[in-house]
């Protein structure tokens, strides 16, 4: 199954995604499709809402899966340029915490708490924003 990455002004990009209640074979299949779409797009990350799927899920390259992620703590602050697959051709400076501690489940249902820093922290925050209906342009100039 092929998916299309939604772009502005699609209203689905502004919807807060629904929490995942159970890890099922259907969920795993949708996540595989999301991972393939990310690989094809060559993006840094892809959230379920970007393909019209209202679920608190995002993927990073190398089949990293984040289910129901939540930021537990942050530290530092850095402003760097960001772009987004859903807003092609636009790059803007965005301020974000430099370090984040995130709790999430993987595809096996295992709860993980992990620290991210630098570019990876920025990507994780960007994708969690998508799950909350927030686009990087909303944070530009912050």
N, C-alpha and C. Protein backbone atom coordinates (compact mmCIF):
# COMPACT_ATOMS: atom_id res chain seq x y z
N UNK A 1 0.84 -1.17 0.00
CA UNK A 1 0.00 0.00 0.00
C UNK A 1 0.89 1.24 0.00
N UNK A 2 0.61 2.15 -0.88
CA UNK A 2 1.36 3.39 -0.98
C UNK A 2 0.60 4.50 -0.27
N UNK A 3 1.33 5.42 0.32
CA UNK A 3 0.70 6.54 1.01
C UNK A 3 1.23 7.85 0.44
N UNK A 4 0.45 8.88 0.60
CA UNK A 4 0.83 10.21 0.15
C UNK A 4 1.08 11.05 1.39
N UNK A 5 2.18 11.77 1.40
CA UNK A 5 2.47 12.68 2.51
C UNK A 5 1.64 13.95 2.30
N UNK A 6 0.82 14.27 3.30
CA UNK A 6 -0.05 15.44 3.23
C UNK A 6 0.78 16.71 3.32
N UNK A 7 0.32 17.75 2.62
CA UNK A 7 0.98 19.04 2.68
C UNK A 7 -0.04 20.12 3.05
N UNK A 8 0.49 21.23 3.56
CA UNK A 8 -0.38 22.36 3.86
C UNK A 8 -1.12 22.75 2.59
N UNK A 9 -2.37 23.11 2.68
CA UNK A 9 -3.15 23.44 3.88
C UNK A 9 -4.04 22.30 4.37
N UNK A 10 -3.67 21.04 4.14
CA UNK A 10 -4.54 19.93 4.55
C UNK A 10 -4.87 20.04 6.04
N UNK A 11 -6.15 20.07 6.40
CA UNK A 11 -6.55 20.24 7.80
C UNK A 11 -6.15 19.07 8.70
N UNK A 12 -5.89 17.90 8.13
CA UNK A 12 -5.49 16.75 8.95
C UNK A 12 -4.18 17.01 9.68
N UNK A 13 -3.36 17.93 9.16
CA UNK A 13 -2.09 18.24 9.80
C UNK A 13 -2.26 19.01 11.11
N UNK A 14 -3.45 19.52 11.36
CA UNK A 14 -3.72 20.32 12.56
C UNK A 14 -4.51 19.56 13.62
N UNK A 15 -4.78 18.28 13.37
CA UNK A 15 -5.57 17.47 14.31
C UNK A 15 -4.64 16.81 15.32
N UNK A 16 -5.04 16.82 16.59
CA UNK A 16 -4.29 16.12 17.63
C UNK A 16 -4.54 14.62 17.45
N UNK A 17 -3.47 13.85 17.33
CA UNK A 17 -3.58 12.41 17.05
C UNK A 17 -4.09 11.63 18.26
N UNK A 18 -4.77 10.55 17.98
CA UNK A 18 -5.33 9.67 19.01
C UNK A 18 -4.24 8.75 19.59
N UNK A 19 -4.25 8.53 20.90
CA UNK A 19 -3.30 7.59 21.49
C UNK A 19 -3.53 6.17 20.96
N UNK A 20 -2.46 5.42 20.87
CA UNK A 20 -2.54 4.01 20.47
C UNK A 20 -2.96 3.21 21.70
N UNK A 21 -4.03 2.43 21.55
CA UNK A 21 -4.55 1.66 22.69
C UNK A 21 -3.98 0.25 22.76
N UNK A 22 -3.64 -0.32 21.60
CA UNK A 22 -3.12 -1.69 21.57
C UNK A 22 -2.20 -1.85 20.36
N UNK A 23 -1.19 -2.66 20.54
CA UNK A 23 -0.28 -2.97 19.43
C UNK A 23 -0.80 -4.23 18.78
N UNK A 24 -1.29 -4.07 17.56
CA UNK A 24 -1.93 -5.15 16.82
C UNK A 24 -1.20 -5.39 15.50
N UNK A 25 -1.50 -6.50 14.82
CA UNK A 25 -0.90 -6.72 13.50
C UNK A 25 -1.25 -5.59 12.52
N UNK A 26 -2.47 -5.04 12.62
CA UNK A 26 -2.87 -3.94 11.75
C UNK A 26 -2.00 -2.70 12.02
N UNK A 27 -1.76 -2.41 13.29
CA UNK A 27 -0.90 -1.29 13.66
C UNK A 27 0.51 -1.50 13.10
N UNK A 28 1.04 -2.70 13.27
CA UNK A 28 2.38 -3.00 12.77
C UNK A 28 2.46 -2.82 11.26
N UNK A 29 1.42 -3.23 10.54
CA UNK A 29 1.39 -3.07 9.09
C UNK A 29 1.38 -1.58 8.71
N UNK A 30 0.59 -0.78 9.42
CA UNK A 30 0.54 0.65 9.14
C UNK A 30 1.90 1.30 9.43
N UNK A 31 2.56 0.86 10.49
CA UNK A 31 3.88 1.41 10.83
C UNK A 31 4.90 1.04 9.76
N UNK A 32 4.83 -0.18 9.23
CA UNK A 32 5.73 -0.57 8.13
C UNK A 32 5.51 0.33 6.91
N UNK A 33 4.25 0.63 6.62
CA UNK A 33 3.93 1.52 5.50
C UNK A 33 4.48 2.92 5.76
N UNK A 34 4.35 3.40 7.00
CA UNK A 34 4.88 4.70 7.38
C UNK A 34 6.41 4.73 7.21
N UNK A 35 7.07 3.65 7.65
CA UNK A 35 8.53 3.56 7.51
C UNK A 35 8.96 3.55 6.04
N UNK A 36 8.21 2.85 5.20
CA UNK A 36 8.53 2.84 3.76
C UNK A 36 8.37 4.24 3.16
N UNK A 37 7.31 4.94 3.58
CA UNK A 37 7.09 6.30 3.07
C UNK A 37 8.24 7.22 3.50
N UNK A 38 8.70 7.06 4.74
CA UNK A 38 9.84 7.86 5.21
C UNK A 38 11.08 7.54 4.38
N UNK A 39 11.34 6.28 4.17
CA UNK A 39 12.52 5.88 3.41
C UNK A 39 12.47 6.45 1.99
N UNK A 40 11.30 6.38 1.38
CA UNK A 40 11.14 6.88 0.01
C UNK A 40 11.32 8.40 -0.04
N UNK A 41 10.88 9.10 0.99
CA UNK A 41 10.94 10.56 1.02
C UNK A 41 12.31 11.10 1.40
N UNK A 42 13.11 10.25 2.04
CA UNK A 42 14.44 10.63 2.53
C UNK A 42 14.37 11.73 3.58
N UNK A 43 13.29 11.73 4.35
CA UNK A 43 13.14 12.70 5.43
C UNK A 43 13.86 12.24 6.68
N UNK A 44 13.89 13.13 7.68
CA UNK A 44 14.53 12.82 8.95
C UNK A 44 13.58 12.10 9.90
N UNK A 45 12.27 12.19 9.63
CA UNK A 45 11.26 11.54 10.45
C UNK A 45 9.92 11.73 9.78
N UNK A 46 8.93 10.90 10.18
CA UNK A 46 7.59 11.00 9.61
C UNK A 46 6.59 10.57 10.67
N UNK A 47 5.60 11.44 10.90
CA UNK A 47 4.55 11.16 11.88
C UNK A 47 3.29 10.69 11.18
N UNK A 48 2.53 9.83 11.86
CA UNK A 48 1.31 9.27 11.30
C UNK A 48 0.36 10.34 10.76
N UNK A 49 0.14 11.47 11.46
CA UNK A 49 -0.77 12.47 10.91
C UNK A 49 -0.34 13.03 9.55
N UNK A 50 0.93 12.95 9.23
CA UNK A 50 1.41 13.45 7.95
C UNK A 50 0.94 12.61 6.77
N UNK A 51 0.43 11.41 7.07
CA UNK A 51 -0.13 10.57 6.01
C UNK A 51 -1.63 10.36 6.23
N UNK A 52 -2.23 11.19 7.09
CA UNK A 52 -3.67 11.13 7.31
C UNK A 52 -4.12 10.08 8.29
N UNK A 53 -3.21 9.58 9.10
CA UNK A 53 -3.52 8.54 10.07
C UNK A 53 -3.46 9.16 11.46
N UNK A 54 -4.59 9.21 12.15
CA UNK A 54 -4.64 9.84 13.48
C UNK A 54 -4.21 8.85 14.55
N UNK A 55 -2.90 8.75 14.74
CA UNK A 55 -2.34 7.87 15.76
C UNK A 55 -1.07 8.52 16.29
N UNK A 56 -0.82 8.36 17.59
CA UNK A 56 0.38 8.95 18.20
C UNK A 56 1.57 8.04 17.93
N UNK A 57 2.00 8.08 16.68
CA UNK A 57 3.10 7.24 16.20
C UNK A 57 3.96 8.07 15.26
N UNK A 58 5.28 7.92 15.39
CA UNK A 58 6.17 8.44 14.37
C UNK A 58 7.34 7.50 14.21
N UNK A 59 8.00 7.63 13.08
CA UNK A 59 9.15 6.78 12.77
C UNK A 59 10.34 7.66 12.40
N UNK A 60 11.51 7.14 12.70
CA UNK A 60 12.77 7.73 12.28
C UNK A 60 13.46 6.72 11.38
N UNK A 61 14.48 7.14 10.63
CA UNK A 61 15.21 6.17 9.80
C UNK A 61 15.73 4.99 10.63
N UNK A 62 16.06 3.95 9.93
CA UNK A 62 16.57 2.71 10.54
C UNK A 62 15.47 2.01 11.35
N UNK A 63 14.21 2.20 10.93
CA UNK A 63 13.05 1.53 11.54
C UNK A 63 12.89 1.81 13.03
N UNK A 64 13.23 3.02 13.45
CA UNK A 64 12.96 3.44 14.83
C UNK A 64 11.50 3.82 14.93
N UNK A 65 10.79 3.20 15.86
CA UNK A 65 9.34 3.41 16.02
C UNK A 65 9.06 4.00 17.39
N UNK A 66 8.25 5.04 17.42
CA UNK A 66 7.86 5.72 18.66
C UNK A 66 6.34 5.70 18.75
N UNK A 67 5.81 4.99 19.74
CA UNK A 67 4.37 4.89 19.96
C UNK A 67 4.03 5.61 21.25
N UNK A 68 3.04 6.50 21.18
CA UNK A 68 2.59 7.30 22.33
C UNK A 68 3.76 8.01 23.04
N UNK A 69 4.60 8.73 22.29
CA UNK A 69 5.74 9.40 22.92
C UNK A 69 5.31 10.59 23.77
N UNK A 70 6.08 10.84 24.81
CA UNK A 70 5.86 12.00 25.68
C UNK A 70 7.21 12.55 26.12
N UNK A 71 7.36 13.85 26.06
CA UNK A 71 8.58 14.49 26.55
C UNK A 71 8.48 14.63 28.05
N UNK A 72 9.46 14.08 28.76
CA UNK A 72 9.48 14.10 30.22
C UNK A 72 10.28 15.28 30.77
N UNK A 73 11.35 15.66 30.07
CA UNK A 73 12.21 16.74 30.54
C UNK A 73 12.98 17.31 29.37
N UNK A 74 13.40 18.57 29.54
CA UNK A 74 14.20 19.24 28.51
C UNK A 74 15.32 20.02 29.19
N UNK A 75 16.34 20.35 28.40
CA UNK A 75 17.44 21.18 28.90
C UNK A 75 18.06 21.91 27.72
N UNK A 76 18.61 23.07 28.01
CA UNK A 76 19.29 23.85 26.98
C UNK A 76 18.32 24.46 25.99
N UNK A 77 18.89 25.23 25.07
CA UNK A 77 18.08 25.89 24.03
C UNK A 77 18.98 26.17 22.85
N UNK A 78 18.51 25.89 21.66
CA UNK A 78 19.29 26.17 20.46
C UNK A 78 18.34 26.52 19.32
N UNK A 79 18.76 27.46 18.51
CA UNK A 79 17.99 27.85 17.34
C UNK A 79 18.71 27.33 16.10
N UNK A 80 18.00 26.54 15.31
CA UNK A 80 18.55 26.02 14.06
C UNK A 80 17.45 26.00 13.01
N UNK A 81 17.86 25.88 11.77
CA UNK A 81 16.92 25.85 10.66
C UNK A 81 16.23 24.49 10.59
N UNK A 82 14.92 24.52 10.32
CA UNK A 82 14.14 23.30 10.14
C UNK A 82 13.35 23.37 8.84
N UNK A 83 13.02 22.20 8.35
CA UNK A 83 12.13 22.04 7.22
C UNK A 83 11.17 20.92 7.53
N UNK A 84 10.26 20.62 6.61
CA UNK A 84 9.25 19.59 6.86
C UNK A 84 8.75 19.03 5.54
N UNK A 85 8.55 17.72 5.50
CA UNK A 85 8.01 17.07 4.31
C UNK A 85 6.61 17.58 3.97
N UNK A 86 5.88 18.07 4.97
CA UNK A 86 4.52 18.56 4.75
C UNK A 86 4.47 20.04 4.34
N UNK A 87 5.63 20.69 4.36
CA UNK A 87 5.71 22.08 3.92
C UNK A 87 6.95 22.18 3.02
N UNK A 88 6.88 21.57 1.83
CA UNK A 88 8.06 21.50 0.98
C UNK A 88 8.60 22.87 0.58
N UNK A 89 9.93 22.95 0.55
CA UNK A 89 10.60 24.16 0.10
C UNK A 89 10.73 25.27 1.12
N UNK A 90 10.20 25.06 2.33
CA UNK A 90 10.27 26.09 3.36
C UNK A 90 11.25 25.65 4.44
N UNK A 91 12.17 26.54 4.78
CA UNK A 91 13.11 26.30 5.88
C UNK A 91 13.16 27.57 6.71
N UNK A 92 13.02 27.43 8.04
CA UNK A 92 12.98 28.57 8.93
C UNK A 92 13.76 28.27 10.21
N UNK A 93 14.31 29.30 10.87
CA UNK A 93 14.96 29.08 12.16
C UNK A 93 13.90 28.81 13.24
N UNK A 94 14.16 27.78 14.04
CA UNK A 94 13.24 27.38 15.11
C UNK A 94 14.06 27.13 16.37
N UNK A 95 13.61 27.71 17.47
CA UNK A 95 14.25 27.44 18.76
C UNK A 95 13.60 26.24 19.43
N UNK A 96 14.45 25.35 19.95
CA UNK A 96 13.98 24.16 20.65
C UNK A 96 14.98 23.78 21.74
N UNK A 97 14.51 23.03 22.76
CA UNK A 97 15.46 22.49 23.73
C UNK A 97 16.51 21.63 23.02
N UNK A 98 17.73 21.71 23.52
CA UNK A 98 18.83 20.97 22.91
C UNK A 98 18.87 19.50 23.37
N UNK A 99 18.32 19.25 24.57
CA UNK A 99 18.27 17.90 25.12
C UNK A 99 16.84 17.59 25.53
N UNK A 100 16.38 16.37 25.23
CA UNK A 100 15.04 15.94 25.66
C UNK A 100 15.09 14.51 26.19
N UNK A 101 14.29 14.28 27.21
CA UNK A 101 14.10 12.93 27.75
C UNK A 101 12.69 12.52 27.34
N UNK A 102 12.57 11.39 26.63
CA UNK A 102 11.29 10.98 26.05
C UNK A 102 10.94 9.56 26.50
N UNK A 103 9.66 9.40 26.85
CA UNK A 103 9.12 8.07 27.14
C UNK A 103 8.24 7.66 25.97
N UNK A 104 8.39 6.43 25.52
CA UNK A 104 7.59 5.93 24.40
C UNK A 104 7.57 4.41 24.46
N UNK A 105 6.70 3.81 23.64
CA UNK A 105 6.69 2.36 23.48
C UNK A 105 7.25 2.02 22.11
N UNK A 106 7.91 0.87 22.03
CA UNK A 106 8.36 0.39 20.74
C UNK A 106 7.30 -0.56 20.19
N UNK A 107 7.56 -1.16 19.05
CA UNK A 107 6.57 -2.01 18.40
C UNK A 107 6.27 -3.29 19.17
N UNK A 108 7.17 -3.68 20.06
CA UNK A 108 6.92 -4.87 20.88
C UNK A 108 6.09 -4.52 22.12
N UNK A 109 5.83 -3.23 22.33
CA UNK A 109 5.06 -2.79 23.49
C UNK A 109 5.91 -2.45 24.69
N UNK A 110 7.23 -2.56 24.54
CA UNK A 110 8.15 -2.26 25.63
C UNK A 110 8.22 -0.76 25.85
N UNK A 111 8.06 -0.33 27.09
CA UNK A 111 8.17 1.09 27.43
C UNK A 111 9.65 1.45 27.55
N UNK A 112 10.02 2.55 26.91
CA UNK A 112 11.41 2.99 26.87
C UNK A 112 11.47 4.44 27.31
N UNK A 113 12.48 4.79 28.09
CA UNK A 113 12.80 6.18 28.41
C UNK A 113 14.20 6.41 27.86
N UNK A 114 14.32 7.42 27.00
CA UNK A 114 15.58 7.64 26.30
C UNK A 114 15.88 9.14 26.22
N UNK A 115 17.16 9.46 26.31
CA UNK A 115 17.61 10.84 26.16
C UNK A 115 18.06 11.07 24.72
N UNK A 116 17.72 12.23 24.18
CA UNK A 116 18.13 12.61 22.84
C UNK A 116 18.78 13.98 22.92
N UNK A 117 19.77 14.20 22.08
CA UNK A 117 20.42 15.51 22.04
C UNK A 117 20.73 15.89 20.60
N UNK A 118 21.00 17.16 20.40
CA UNK A 118 21.37 17.64 19.08
C UNK A 118 20.28 17.45 18.05
N UNK A 119 20.69 17.07 16.84
CA UNK A 119 19.76 16.91 15.73
C UNK A 119 18.66 15.89 16.04
N UNK A 120 19.04 14.79 16.69
CA UNK A 120 18.04 13.77 17.00
C UNK A 120 16.97 14.32 17.95
N UNK A 121 17.36 15.14 18.92
CA UNK A 121 16.39 15.77 19.83
C UNK A 121 15.46 16.68 19.05
N UNK A 122 16.01 17.43 18.11
CA UNK A 122 15.20 18.33 17.28
C UNK A 122 14.18 17.55 16.46
N UNK A 123 14.60 16.47 15.84
CA UNK A 123 13.70 15.66 15.01
C UNK A 123 12.60 15.04 15.87
N UNK A 124 12.96 14.50 17.02
CA UNK A 124 11.96 13.90 17.92
C UNK A 124 10.92 14.95 18.32
N UNK A 125 11.37 16.14 18.69
CA UNK A 125 10.43 17.20 19.08
C UNK A 125 9.55 17.62 17.90
N UNK A 126 10.13 17.71 16.73
CA UNK A 126 9.39 18.08 15.52
C UNK A 126 8.27 17.07 15.26
N UNK A 127 8.60 15.78 15.38
CA UNK A 127 7.61 14.74 15.11
C UNK A 127 6.54 14.69 16.20
N UNK A 128 6.92 14.89 17.45
CA UNK A 128 5.92 14.95 18.53
C UNK A 128 4.99 16.14 18.30
N UNK A 129 5.53 17.25 17.83
CA UNK A 129 4.67 18.38 17.48
C UNK A 129 3.61 17.97 16.47
N UNK A 130 4.00 17.20 15.45
CA UNK A 130 3.01 16.73 14.46
C UNK A 130 1.87 15.97 15.13
N UNK A 131 2.19 15.20 16.15
CA UNK A 131 1.16 14.42 16.85
C UNK A 131 0.19 15.33 17.60
N UNK A 132 0.62 16.56 17.87
CA UNK A 132 -0.21 17.53 18.58
C UNK A 132 -0.81 18.58 17.64
N UNK A 133 -0.69 18.37 16.33
CA UNK A 133 -1.25 19.31 15.37
C UNK A 133 -0.46 20.60 15.24
N UNK A 134 0.80 20.57 15.65
CA UNK A 134 1.67 21.75 15.61
C UNK A 134 2.67 21.58 14.47
N UNK A 135 2.85 22.63 13.68
CA UNK A 135 3.82 22.61 12.60
C UNK A 135 5.02 23.48 12.97
N UNK A 136 6.17 23.18 12.37
CA UNK A 136 7.38 23.91 12.73
C UNK A 136 7.24 25.41 12.46
N UNK A 137 6.40 25.77 11.51
CA UNK A 137 6.19 27.19 11.21
C UNK A 137 5.53 27.91 12.39
N UNK A 138 4.79 27.17 13.21
CA UNK A 138 4.18 27.75 14.41
C UNK A 138 5.25 28.16 15.43
N UNK A 139 6.39 27.50 15.38
CA UNK A 139 7.47 27.74 16.34
C UNK A 139 8.58 28.63 15.76
N UNK A 140 8.49 28.94 14.49
CA UNK A 140 9.53 29.74 13.85
C UNK A 140 9.66 31.09 14.57
N UNK A 141 10.90 31.49 14.76
CA UNK A 141 11.18 32.76 15.43
C UNK A 141 11.11 32.66 16.94
N UNK A 142 10.85 31.45 17.47
CA UNK A 142 10.76 31.30 18.94
C UNK A 142 12.12 31.24 19.57
